[in-house]
Amino acid sequence: MRTALKIVAFSVAFIVMFGPQDLGAQITGEEPVPSDTTMIFTPVRPLLEEIASNAIATRAAGLDLLFSGSGWGVGGIYMQKLSETFSLFGHVAVTPRRNADEVESVWYNGQIPVVANKVNRLFMFPISVGAQYRLFSGTLQENFRPFVSLGVTGTPILQTPYLQDGRYYEFFESFGYGTWHFRMGAVIGVGSVFGTPGKGSLIGVNIRYYTIPFGEPGLESLAGLPITNFGGVFLSLTVGTAW
């Protein structure tokens, strides 16, 4: 029995002293071998989404809030980029047209406040197409992109009665007695788009000048003061998206 124990003890001592030395060995100055060799892969989708979000947008669309001497209006715009400096645009708007000094100052039948001498309500729907040129593209930062634009405008004009022959026409009622007209014109504008040129939301401001000749005798909003040109200066704020 003692002989067997001696043999086992001798064998263990021999393995410890002369067994493989490189199993746990480390060369001086060498980084320790990591015990966990599992490879971790980063998903590629977040990277692709980041690249897509930084891509340059080539199209944009938005809603316009317009203001002019005739009051508030609304509109919509679509833009297609052709190059770094040129874009095409399409724009449509709905806005009233009137004399700037129209104020409700008298009473109809002692019950309804009305504008003195007003005979018609006038509305215009300018539909414009044209080109837009970006200014100073090589010197200004991308988050401020000023531009000038030029286009042609076809404008349906709606004339509805207001106070005629002693009768007052309610707002919605008057549309049943409306008369349509159509005139061609032009528009020139200057403005800027703010924010990065990548895909996503956008904000822009614009000053447009329309020239829309109606011709004689014009259309009366106030009696005796016919409007012969339905153009004018319009300020607009655009909120939209680019893709």
Protein backbone atom coordinates (compact mmCIF):
# COMPACT_ATOMS: atom_id res chain seq x y z
CA MET A 1 0.00 0.00 0.00
CA ARG A 2 2.81 2.38 0.91
CA THR A 3 4.54 1.53 -2.34
CA ALA A 4 1.41 2.54 -4.36
CA LEU A 5 1.13 5.87 -2.51
CA LYS A 6 4.77 6.62 -3.21
CA ILE A 7 4.27 5.93 -6.90
CA VAL A 8 1.24 8.31 -7.09
CA ALA A 9 3.07 11.06 -5.19
CA PHE A 10 6.12 10.69 -7.47
CA SER A 11 3.93 10.90 -10.59
CA VAL A 12 2.19 14.10 -9.44
CA ALA A 13 5.52 15.70 -8.59
CA PHE A 14 6.96 14.74 -11.99
CA ILE A 15 3.97 16.27 -13.90
CA VAL A 16 4.19 19.52 -11.93
CA MET A 17 7.94 19.86 -12.47
CA PHE A 18 8.33 18.66 -16.05
CA GLY A 19 4.83 18.99 -17.58
CA PRO A 20 3.99 21.52 -20.40
CA GLN A 21 5.23 24.95 -19.31
CA ASP A 22 3.37 27.06 -21.91
CA LEU A 23 -0.15 26.39 -20.65
CA GLY A 24 -0.18 29.34 -18.30
CA ALA A 25 3.11 30.93 -19.19
CA GLN A 26 3.40 34.64 -20.05
CA ILE A 27 6.30 36.33 -21.71
CA THR A 28 7.50 39.42 -19.87
CA GLY A 29 5.91 42.57 -21.29
CA GLU A 30 3.25 40.69 -23.22
CA GLU A 31 -0.43 41.46 -22.66
CA PRO A 32 -2.26 38.63 -20.91
CA VAL A 33 -4.31 36.41 -23.18
CA PRO A 34 -7.98 37.19 -22.64
CA SER A 35 -9.90 34.35 -21.18
CA ASP A 36 -13.05 35.21 -23.18
CA THR A 37 -12.52 35.08 -26.94
CA THR A 38 -16.15 35.72 -27.88
CA MET A 39 -16.42 38.11 -30.89
CA ILE A 40 -18.99 40.92 -30.59
CA PHE A 41 -20.51 42.31 -33.80
CA THR A 42 -22.08 45.80 -33.89
CA PRO A 43 -25.43 45.85 -35.74
CA VAL A 44 -25.16 47.58 -39.11
CA ARG A 45 -28.70 49.06 -39.15
CA PRO A 46 -28.00 52.03 -36.82
CA LEU A 47 -25.06 53.00 -39.04
CA LEU A 48 -27.17 52.78 -42.18
CA GLU A 49 -29.90 54.87 -40.57
CA GLU A 50 -27.36 57.50 -39.54
CA ILE A 51 -25.99 57.67 -43.09
CA ALA A 52 -29.52 58.00 -44.50
CA SER A 53 -30.40 60.81 -42.08
CA ASN A 54 -27.33 62.78 -43.20
CA ALA A 55 -28.04 62.33 -46.92
CA ILE A 56 -28.70 65.45 -48.96
CA ALA A 57 -32.40 65.95 -49.68
CA THR A 58 -33.47 66.44 -53.31
CA ARG A 59 -37.19 67.14 -52.79
CA ALA A 60 -39.21 69.17 -50.31
CA ALA A 61 -42.83 70.12 -49.64
CA GLY A 62 -44.45 72.35 -47.09
CA LEU A 63 -47.31 74.55 -45.98
CA ASP A 64 -47.22 78.35 -46.22
CA LEU A 65 -48.72 80.95 -43.95
CA LEU A 66 -49.02 84.16 -45.98
CA PHE A 67 -49.62 87.76 -45.03
CA SER A 68 -50.30 90.76 -47.26
CA GLY A 69 -52.10 94.09 -47.19
CA SER A 70 -55.29 92.16 -47.94
CA GLY A 71 -54.99 89.88 -44.89
CA TRP A 72 -53.94 86.32 -44.15
CA GLY A 73 -53.75 83.43 -46.56
CA VAL A 74 -52.51 79.84 -46.78
CA GLY A 75 -50.58 77.95 -49.40
CA GLY A 76 -48.48 74.96 -50.28
CA ILE A 77 -45.14 74.54 -52.03
CA TYR A 78 -43.20 71.71 -53.69
CA MET A 79 -39.52 71.90 -54.68
CA GLN A 80 -37.33 69.62 -56.78
CA LYS A 81 -33.55 70.09 -56.57
CA LEU A 82 -31.69 69.99 -59.90
CA SER A 83 -28.18 70.92 -58.72
CA GLU A 84 -26.40 72.57 -55.83
CA THR A 85 -27.75 75.96 -56.87
CA PHE A 86 -30.88 75.40 -59.01
CA SER A 87 -34.30 74.04 -58.04
CA LEU A 88 -37.75 73.97 -59.59
CA PHE A 89 -40.78 74.93 -57.53
CA GLY A 90 -44.55 74.80 -57.68
CA HIS A 91 -46.66 76.96 -55.39
CA VAL A 92 -50.38 77.47 -54.84
CA ALA A 93 -52.07 79.90 -52.46
CA VAL A 94 -55.50 81.07 -51.33
CA THR A 95 -55.79 84.66 -50.16
CA PRO A 96 -58.36 87.46 -50.08
CA ARG A 97 -57.89 90.59 -52.16
CA ARG A 98 -59.31 93.89 -51.02
CA ASN A 99 -58.59 97.54 -50.46
CA ALA A 100 -56.34 98.02 -47.46
CA ASP A 101 -58.69 100.42 -45.66
CA GLU A 102 -61.74 98.16 -45.43
CA VAL A 103 -63.08 98.41 -41.88
CA GLU A 104 -66.55 97.50 -40.59
CA SER A 105 -67.89 100.89 -39.60
CA VAL A 106 -71.65 100.90 -40.33
CA TRP A 107 -74.61 98.68 -39.47
CA TYR A 108 -76.85 96.83 -41.90
CA ASN A 109 -80.46 96.93 -40.64
CA GLY A 110 -79.08 98.02 -37.30
CA GLN A 111 -77.87 94.46 -36.59
CA ILE A 112 -74.91 93.48 -38.78
CA PRO A 113 -71.66 95.49 -38.87
CA VAL A 114 -70.56 96.00 -42.47
CA VAL A 115 -67.84 97.79 -44.43
CA ALA A 116 -69.13 101.03 -45.89
CA ASN A 117 -69.34 101.05 -49.71
CA LYS A 118 -68.13 97.45 -49.99
CA VAL A 119 -69.84 95.68 -52.89
CA ASN A 120 -67.81 92.48 -53.46
CA ARG A 121 -65.66 89.95 -51.69
CA LEU A 122 -62.64 89.01 -53.82
CA PHE A 123 -60.45 85.93 -53.49
CA MET A 124 -57.40 84.94 -55.54
CA PHE A 125 -55.79 81.53 -56.03
CA PRO A 126 -52.34 82.13 -57.60
CA ILE A 127 -50.76 78.96 -59.03
CA SER A 128 -47.07 79.48 -59.76
CA VAL A 129 -44.27 77.43 -61.30
CA GLY A 130 -40.69 78.57 -61.73
CA ALA A 131 -37.01 78.26 -60.85
CA GLN A 132 -35.12 79.02 -57.69
CA TYR A 133 -31.42 79.97 -57.50
CA ARG A 134 -29.40 79.59 -54.31
CA LEU A 135 -27.17 82.55 -53.45
CA PHE A 136 -23.63 82.43 -52.02
CA SER A 137 -23.56 78.62 -51.92
CA GLY A 138 -19.76 78.60 -51.74
CA THR A 139 -19.36 81.09 -48.90
CA LEU A 140 -22.27 80.72 -46.48
CA GLN A 141 -22.84 77.84 -44.09
CA GLU A 142 -25.32 75.13 -45.04
CA ASN A 143 -27.83 76.02 -42.33
CA PHE A 144 -28.54 79.40 -43.98
CA ARG A 145 -29.41 79.09 -47.67
CA PRO A 146 -30.71 82.33 -49.22
CA PHE A 147 -32.26 82.24 -52.69
CA VAL A 148 -34.04 84.22 -55.38
CA SER A 149 -36.91 82.83 -57.45
CA LEU A 150 -38.76 83.71 -60.63
CA GLY A 151 -41.91 82.15 -62.05
CA VAL A 152 -45.14 82.51 -64.01
CA THR A 153 -48.52 82.60 -62.34
CA GLY A 154 -51.99 81.62 -63.46
CA THR A 155 -54.57 83.09 -61.11
CA PRO A 156 -58.26 82.17 -60.78
CA ILE A 157 -60.10 85.06 -59.12
CA LEU A 158 -63.45 84.61 -57.40
CA GLN A 159 -65.85 87.54 -57.09
CA THR A 160 -68.75 87.12 -54.64
CA PRO A 161 -71.36 89.77 -53.71
CA TYR A 162 -71.17 91.56 -50.38
CA LEU A 163 -73.72 94.40 -50.27
CA GLN A 164 -75.54 95.01 -53.54
CA ASP A 165 -78.93 96.56 -54.37
CA GLY A 166 -79.64 97.01 -50.68
CA ARG A 167 -79.11 93.33 -49.91
CA TYR A 168 -76.37 91.94 -47.66
CA TYR A 169 -74.98 88.51 -48.61
CA GLU A 170 -73.72 86.28 -45.81
CA PHE A 171 -70.21 84.91 -46.28
CA PHE A 172 -71.11 81.33 -47.24
CA GLU A 173 -74.31 82.35 -49.00
CA SER A 174 -72.36 84.64 -51.33
CA PHE A 175 -70.45 81.74 -52.90
CA GLY A 176 -73.64 80.62 -54.57
CA TYR A 177 -73.65 83.89 -56.51
CA GLY A 178 -69.92 83.98 -57.31
CA THR A 179 -68.27 84.77 -60.65
CA TRP A 180 -64.90 83.37 -61.72
CA HIS A 181 -62.19 85.23 -63.64
CA PHE A 182 -58.74 84.11 -64.76
CA ARG A 183 -55.58 86.16 -65.34
CA MET A 184 -51.92 85.39 -66.07
CA GLY A 185 -49.02 87.06 -64.30
CA ALA A 186 -45.55 86.60 -62.86
CA VAL A 187 -43.88 86.32 -59.47
CA ILE A 188 -40.42 87.14 -58.16
CA GLY A 189 -39.21 86.25 -54.70
CA VAL A 190 -36.32 86.35 -52.27
CA GLY A 191 -35.98 84.31 -49.10
CA SER A 192 -34.02 81.70 -47.22
CA VAL A 193 -34.25 78.14 -45.95
CA PHE A 194 -32.90 77.40 -42.47
CA GLY A 195 -31.47 74.20 -41.05
CA THR A 196 -29.33 71.40 -42.44
CA PRO A 197 -29.75 70.36 -46.10
CA GLY A 198 -30.34 66.76 -45.05
CA LYS A 199 -33.59 64.86 -44.97
CA GLY A 200 -36.07 65.94 -42.34
CA SER A 201 -38.02 69.05 -41.35
CA LEU A 202 -37.38 72.49 -42.81
CA ILE A 203 -38.31 76.11 -42.13
CA GLY A 204 -38.19 78.94 -44.65
CA VAL A 205 -39.18 82.56 -45.09
CA ASN A 206 -40.01 84.26 -48.36
CA ILE A 207 -41.01 87.65 -49.74
CA ARG A 208 -42.89 87.34 -53.03
CA TYR A 209 -44.03 90.08 -55.36
CA TYR A 210 -46.83 89.16 -57.74
CA THR A 211 -47.86 91.13 -60.78
CA ILE A 212 -51.28 89.99 -61.98
CA PRO A 213 -52.82 92.57 -64.35
CA PHE A 214 -56.59 92.37 -64.52
CA GLY A 215 -57.17 95.21 -66.95
CA GLU A 216 -59.91 97.79 -67.15
CA PRO A 217 -62.43 98.28 -65.72
CA GLY A 218 -61.13 96.00 -62.97
CA LEU A 219 -63.12 94.51 -60.12
CA GLU A 220 -64.57 96.53 -57.29
CA SER A 221 -64.14 95.56 -53.69
CA LEU A 222 -65.19 99.06 -52.62
CA ALA A 223 -67.55 100.96 -54.88
CA GLY A 224 -65.67 103.42 -57.08
CA LEU A 225 -62.22 101.91 -56.30
CA PRO A 226 -61.72 99.08 -58.83
CA ILE A 227 -58.68 96.82 -58.56
CA THR A 228 -56.88 96.53 -61.89
CA ASN A 229 -53.83 94.59 -60.67
CA PHE A 230 -54.26 91.71 -58.25
CA GLY A 231 -50.55 91.53 -57.49
CA GLY A 232 -48.70 92.82 -54.48
CA VAL A 233 -46.18 91.88 -51.82
CA PHE A 234 -46.73 88.71 -49.82
CA LEU A 235 -44.71 87.56 -46.82
CA SER A 236 -44.70 83.84 -46.09
CA LEU A 237 -43.48 81.39 -43.48
CA THR A 238 -42.96 77.83 -44.72
CA VAL A 239 -42.90 74.71 -42.53
CA GLY A 240 -42.36 71.41 -44.27
CA THR A 241 -40.24 68.33 -44.79
CA ALA A 242 -37.44 67.31 -47.15
CA TRP A 243 -36.59 63.85 -48.46
